[in-house]
């Protein structure tokens, strides 16, 4: 039966080990990617697919900062709630923490340090979110697959056999990009997972469970979509430089949640204009004003 995905969890916890010392004082997902906080990018991606109901999961010391930044989402025409992940215990724990939020609905999960951009992205997202019938893993080719969850394929029919987390010798260059769609049974499946050697629940183990049951689709987002995993300083710089180039050369905004709210019809033009007042005398104010010129 086809369903609509209208809920998303954005996982914005963790310790940001690769970005220390700055992450000793600030959550990684609040760092600037060019001219916007990192959390804006996954939030805007899900919004482009039509999602309006969000749960942000973060650390006990950081939730207050996200609430200060985003509030309850009402100014954007969306709803944002918050939960705490006491310590890093693996991505699937998000579904256990978010059980009351998910209820009986399908759910989207996006990692808070992943950035997607491309002209075809809204169509890919909308099609998947509005016609959900099977859990889905979004993938793309990578030049360094060993850093991610890698899809191994059956050589005879090229169907996915299993997914392995950060293999030393990857058998393909197709990797999970940090965007997932799951049916409601993801809660119970996550509860049944066994922790790995690093004492965490592994998202690849969860995906392999769905694969074995033949209940997982793979969506290759293709070469036309830019994907960045902003997990370390070099990747943050690469993402920032790319976004800067696009915004300056083409005039297209990337990750601007206010613009996406207006574009998707979540808020009126008058509400958009009132939002600009939040950023008075800033460069961001000038960016927002260009949208309605």
Protein backbone atom coordinates (compact mmCIF):
# COMPACT_ATOMS: atom_id res chain seq x y z
CA UNK A 1 0.00 0.00 0.00
CA UNK A 2 1.35 3.42 -0.99
CA UNK A 3 1.85 5.90 1.84
CA UNK A 4 3.07 9.47 2.21
CA UNK A 5 6.18 10.14 4.28
CA UNK A 6 5.58 13.35 6.23
CA UNK A 7 7.89 12.82 9.20
CA UNK A 8 11.66 13.05 9.38
CA UNK A 9 14.26 12.53 12.05
CA UNK A 10 17.47 14.52 11.76
CA UNK A 11 20.26 13.01 13.81
CA UNK A 12 22.47 15.82 15.11
CA UNK A 13 24.24 14.26 18.08
CA UNK A 14 27.63 12.63 18.34
CA UNK A 15 30.90 14.05 19.62
CA UNK A 16 32.39 15.46 16.41
CA UNK A 17 35.71 13.81 17.22
CA UNK A 18 37.28 14.59 13.83
CA UNK A 19 36.54 18.30 14.28
CA UNK A 20 38.04 18.81 17.74
CA UNK A 21 38.97 21.21 19.34
CA UNK A 22 36.07 23.34 18.03
CA UNK A 23 33.53 20.61 18.82
CA UNK A 24 34.62 20.79 22.47
CA UNK A 25 32.51 23.94 22.66
CA UNK A 26 29.95 23.69 19.86
CA UNK A 27 27.90 20.94 18.24
CA UNK A 28 29.25 20.01 14.80
CA UNK A 29 25.84 20.49 13.19
CA UNK A 30 25.83 24.16 14.21
CA UNK A 31 29.09 24.94 12.41
CA UNK A 32 28.87 27.17 9.35
CA UNK A 33 28.82 25.61 5.92
CA UNK A 34 29.56 28.73 3.90
CA UNK A 35 26.85 31.10 5.20
CA UNK A 36 24.41 28.82 7.06
CA UNK A 37 24.52 26.42 10.01
CA UNK A 38 25.10 22.83 8.92
CA UNK A 39 21.69 21.72 10.26
CA UNK A 40 19.96 23.97 7.70
CA UNK A 41 21.03 21.72 4.83
CA UNK A 42 19.48 18.37 5.85
CA UNK A 43 16.42 20.22 7.16
CA UNK A 44 15.92 22.01 3.84
CA UNK A 45 16.48 18.77 1.90
CA UNK A 46 13.64 17.02 3.71
CA UNK A 47 11.44 20.09 3.33
CA UNK A 48 12.03 20.04 -0.44
CA UNK A 49 10.43 16.59 -0.45
CA UNK A 50 7.35 18.01 1.26
CA UNK A 51 8.05 16.94 4.85
CA UNK A 52 6.71 19.32 7.52
CA UNK A 53 7.06 17.35 10.76
CA UNK A 54 10.55 16.97 12.25
CA UNK A 55 12.31 15.46 15.23
CA UNK A 56 15.85 16.66 15.89
CA UNK A 57 17.89 14.35 18.11
CA UNK A 58 21.00 15.74 19.77
CA UNK A 59 23.17 15.62 22.88
CA UNK A 60 21.91 16.69 26.33
CA UNK A 61 24.11 19.80 26.31
CA UNK A 62 23.24 20.89 22.76
CA UNK A 63 19.47 20.59 22.40
CA UNK A 64 18.97 24.06 23.88
CA UNK A 65 21.11 25.59 21.11
CA UNK A 66 19.01 23.94 18.39
CA UNK A 67 15.85 25.17 20.07
CA UNK A 68 17.27 28.70 20.13
CA UNK A 69 18.19 28.48 16.44
CA UNK A 70 15.05 26.82 15.06
CA UNK A 71 12.38 27.03 17.75
CA UNK A 72 9.29 24.92 17.14
CA UNK A 73 9.44 25.55 13.40
CA UNK A 74 6.27 27.66 13.27
CA UNK A 75 7.94 30.58 11.53
CA UNK A 76 8.80 28.16 8.72
CA UNK A 77 5.36 26.59 8.54
CA UNK A 78 6.67 23.31 9.92
CA UNK A 79 6.73 21.54 13.29
CA UNK A 80 9.99 20.71 15.08
CA UNK A 81 10.30 18.69 18.26
CA UNK A 82 13.42 17.57 20.07
CA UNK A 83 14.77 14.50 21.86
CA UNK A 84 18.05 13.70 23.59
CA UNK A 85 20.57 10.98 22.75
CA UNK A 86 22.57 10.60 25.96
CA UNK A 87 25.61 9.12 24.22
CA UNK A 88 26.61 7.95 20.76
CA UNK A 89 25.04 4.52 20.45
CA UNK A 90 24.57 4.21 16.69
CA UNK A 91 22.24 5.61 14.05
CA UNK A 92 19.40 3.06 14.54
CA UNK A 93 18.97 4.26 18.12
CA UNK A 94 17.27 7.31 16.57
CA UNK A 95 14.23 5.13 15.83
CA UNK A 96 14.07 3.86 19.40
CA UNK A 97 14.40 7.37 20.82
CA UNK A 98 11.85 8.64 18.30
CA UNK A 99 9.28 5.87 18.81
CA UNK A 100 6.58 8.23 20.15
CA UNK A 101 7.25 10.67 17.32
CA UNK A 102 7.08 8.00 14.61
CA UNK A 103 3.95 6.31 16.01
CA UNK A 104 2.51 4.14 13.21
CA UNK A 105 3.87 6.13 10.27
CA UNK A 106 6.74 5.59 7.81
CA UNK A 107 9.78 7.68 8.63
CA UNK A 108 12.61 9.50 6.88
CA UNK A 109 15.99 9.70 8.56
CA UNK A 110 18.72 12.07 7.47
CA UNK A 111 22.11 12.49 9.06
CA UNK A 112 22.72 16.05 10.15
CA UNK A 113 26.12 16.37 8.46
CA UNK A 114 25.04 15.35 4.96
CA UNK A 115 24.42 17.93 2.24
CA UNK A 116 22.62 17.34 -1.06
CA UNK A 117 22.13 19.72 -3.97
CA UNK A 118 20.99 19.45 -7.57
CA UNK A 119 18.24 20.59 -9.90
CA UNK A 120 16.69 17.12 -9.97
CA UNK A 121 16.76 16.62 -6.21
CA UNK A 122 13.23 17.92 -5.39
CA UNK A 123 11.68 15.54 -7.92
CA UNK A 124 13.63 12.56 -6.59
CA UNK A 125 12.59 13.36 -3.03
CA UNK A 126 8.97 14.16 -3.80
CA UNK A 127 8.51 10.97 -5.80
CA UNK A 128 9.93 8.84 -2.99
CA UNK A 129 8.17 10.64 -0.13
CA UNK A 130 4.73 10.77 -1.76
CA UNK A 131 4.74 7.20 -3.09
CA UNK A 132 6.29 5.23 -0.26
CA UNK A 133 5.69 1.48 -0.37
CA UNK A 134 9.01 -0.05 0.65
CA UNK A 135 11.98 1.00 2.79
CA UNK A 136 14.59 2.81 0.73
CA UNK A 137 18.31 3.50 0.88
CA UNK A 138 19.62 6.44 -1.15
CA UNK A 139 23.01 5.77 -2.72
CA UNK A 140 25.63 7.37 -4.95
CA UNK A 141 29.07 6.47 -6.25
CA UNK A 142 32.05 7.66 -4.21
CA UNK A 143 35.77 7.91 -4.86
CA UNK A 144 36.44 6.82 -1.27
CA UNK A 145 33.80 4.16 -0.57
CA UNK A 146 35.82 2.69 2.28
CA UNK A 147 34.63 5.59 4.45
CA UNK A 148 30.95 4.65 4.18
CA UNK A 149 28.44 1.83 4.09
CA UNK A 150 29.18 0.09 0.77
CA UNK A 151 26.64 -1.84 -1.29
CA UNK A 152 27.89 -5.20 -2.58
CA UNK A 153 26.05 -6.50 -5.64
CA UNK A 154 25.38 -9.94 -7.05
CA UNK A 155 27.57 -10.10 -10.18
CA UNK A 156 25.01 -12.16 -12.10
CA UNK A 157 21.98 -9.89 -11.81
CA UNK A 158 23.49 -6.78 -10.15
CA UNK A 159 20.96 -6.92 -7.35
CA UNK A 160 22.21 -5.80 -3.91
CA UNK A 161 23.49 -8.71 -1.78
CA UNK A 162 24.45 -6.91 1.40
CA UNK A 163 25.86 -3.69 2.80
CA UNK A 164 29.12 -3.56 4.70
CA UNK A 165 30.22 -0.68 6.90
CA UNK A 166 33.56 0.91 5.99
CA UNK A 167 35.19 -2.13 4.34
CA UNK A 168 38.95 -2.16 3.84
CA UNK A 169 38.50 -3.58 0.34
CA UNK A 170 35.14 -2.39 -1.00
CA UNK A 171 33.66 -4.44 -3.84
CA UNK A 172 31.76 -1.50 -5.31
CA UNK A 173 31.86 2.28 -5.17
CA UNK A 174 28.15 2.68 -4.35
CA UNK A 175 27.66 4.01 -0.83
CA UNK A 176 24.85 5.08 1.48
CA UNK A 177 24.58 8.88 1.54
CA UNK A 178 22.91 9.34 4.91
CA UNK A 179 19.30 9.57 3.71
CA UNK A 180 16.89 6.72 4.46
CA UNK A 181 13.18 5.89 4.32
CA UNK A 182 11.73 3.16 6.49
CA UNK A 183 8.43 1.48 7.17
CA UNK A 184 7.09 1.63 10.72
CA UNK A 185 8.61 -1.73 11.67
CA UNK A 186 12.00 -0.03 11.81
CA UNK A 187 11.37 0.62 15.50
CA UNK A 188 11.12 -3.05 16.41
CA UNK A 189 13.90 -4.06 14.02
CA UNK A 190 16.21 -1.51 15.66
CA UNK A 191 15.38 -2.84 19.12
CA UNK A 192 16.40 -6.34 18.01
CA UNK A 193 19.81 -5.30 16.64
CA UNK A 194 22.96 -6.46 18.42
CA UNK A 195 25.63 -3.88 19.16
CA UNK A 196 28.83 -4.06 17.13
CA UNK A 197 32.39 -4.25 18.42
CA UNK A 198 32.39 -0.48 18.79
CA UNK A 199 29.38 -0.86 21.10
CA UNK A 200 26.92 0.77 18.70
CA UNK A 201 23.87 -0.25 16.71
CA UNK A 202 24.92 -0.23 13.05
CA UNK A 203 22.73 1.20 10.29
CA UNK A 204 24.23 -1.29 7.82
CA UNK A 205 23.01 -4.17 10.01
CA UNK A 206 19.54 -2.67 9.95
CA UNK A 207 19.63 -2.26 6.17
CA UNK A 208 20.85 -5.84 5.73
CA UNK A 209 17.86 -7.05 7.73
CA UNK A 210 15.57 -5.34 5.22
CA UNK A 211 17.61 -6.69 2.31
CA UNK A 212 17.30 -10.26 3.52
CA UNK A 213 13.54 -9.82 3.69
CA UNK A 214 13.55 -8.27 0.20
CA UNK A 215 12.00 -5.14 1.67
CA UNK A 216 14.66 -2.60 0.75
CA UNK A 217 14.91 -0.53 -2.42
CA UNK A 218 18.03 1.33 -3.53
CA UNK A 219 17.70 4.77 -5.08
CA UNK A 220 20.76 5.93 -7.00
CA UNK A 221 20.58 9.73 -6.95
CA UNK A 222 22.93 9.85 -9.94
CA UNK A 223 25.81 12.08 -10.97
CA UNK A 224 23.67 15.19 -11.31
CA UNK A 225 23.25 15.55 -7.55
CA UNK A 226 26.12 16.87 -5.45
CA UNK A 227 26.58 15.11 -2.12
CA UNK A 228 28.87 16.14 0.71
CA UNK A 229 29.52 14.40 4.00
CA UNK A 230 30.67 17.32 6.14
CA UNK A 231 32.37 15.14 8.72
CA UNK A 232 35.82 16.70 8.82
CA UNK A 233 37.52 20.05 8.17
CA UNK A 234 38.46 19.30 4.55
CA UNK A 235 34.94 18.24 3.62
CA UNK A 236 33.45 21.27 5.34
CA UNK A 237 35.74 23.46 3.28
CA UNK A 238 34.87 21.61 0.06
CA UNK A 239 31.15 21.94 0.74
CA UNK A 240 31.48 25.61 1.68
CA UNK A 241 33.49 26.41 -1.47
CA UNK A 242 30.98 24.58 -3.68
CA UNK A 243 27.98 26.34 -2.15
CA UNK A 244 29.72 29.69 -2.34
CA UNK A 245 30.44 29.15 -6.03
CA UNK A 246 26.87 28.12 -6.87
CA UNK A 247 25.25 30.95 -4.94
CA UNK A 248 27.56 33.60 -6.35
CA UNK A 249 27.67 32.37 -9.95
CA UNK A 250 24.10 31.15 -10.41
CA UNK A 251 22.21 33.04 -7.75
CA UNK A 252 20.63 29.80 -6.53
CA UNK A 253 20.39 29.36 -2.79
CA UNK A 254 21.37 26.07 -1.16
CA UNK A 255 20.09 25.07 2.25
CA UNK A 256 18.09 28.23 2.86
CA UNK A 257 15.19 26.98 4.99
CA UNK A 258 13.28 30.27 4.74
CA UNK A 259 13.40 30.25 0.94
CA UNK A 260 12.38 26.58 0.81
CA UNK A 261 9.41 27.30 3.11
CA UNK A 262 8.24 30.01 0.73
CA UNK A 263 8.91 27.91 -2.38
CA UNK A 264 7.02 24.91 -0.99
CA UNK A 265 4.05 27.04 0.07
CA UNK A 266 4.58 26.32 3.77
CA UNK A 267 4.46 30.08 4.49
CA UNK A 268 3.04 33.16 2.77
CA UNK A 269 5.11 35.94 1.26
CA UNK A 270 4.14 38.19 4.18
CA UNK A 271 5.35 35.57 6.66
CA UNK A 272 8.59 35.26 4.69
CA UNK A 273 9.12 39.02 4.88
CA UNK A 274 8.52 38.98 8.63
CA UNK A 275 11.13 36.22 8.96
CA UNK A 276 13.74 38.50 7.43
CA UNK A 277 13.54 40.71 10.54
CA UNK A 278 15.17 37.91 12.56
CA UNK A 279 18.42 38.58 10.71
CA UNK A 280 18.53 42.39 10.66
CA UNK A 281 21.85 43.96 9.61
CA UNK A 282 23.36 40.60 8.65
CA UNK A 283 24.59 39.20 5.34
CA UNK A 284 21.86 36.59 5.64
CA UNK A 285 19.25 39.35 5.64
CA UNK A 286 20.58 40.51 2.25
CA UNK A 287 20.40 36.94 0.94
CA UNK A 288 16.77 36.57 1.99
CA UNK A 289 15.78 39.92 0.50
CA UNK A 290 17.12 38.89 -2.92
CA UNK A 291 14.57 36.09 -3.06
CA UNK A 292 11.63 38.49 -3.21
CA UNK A 293 13.15 41.28 -5.32
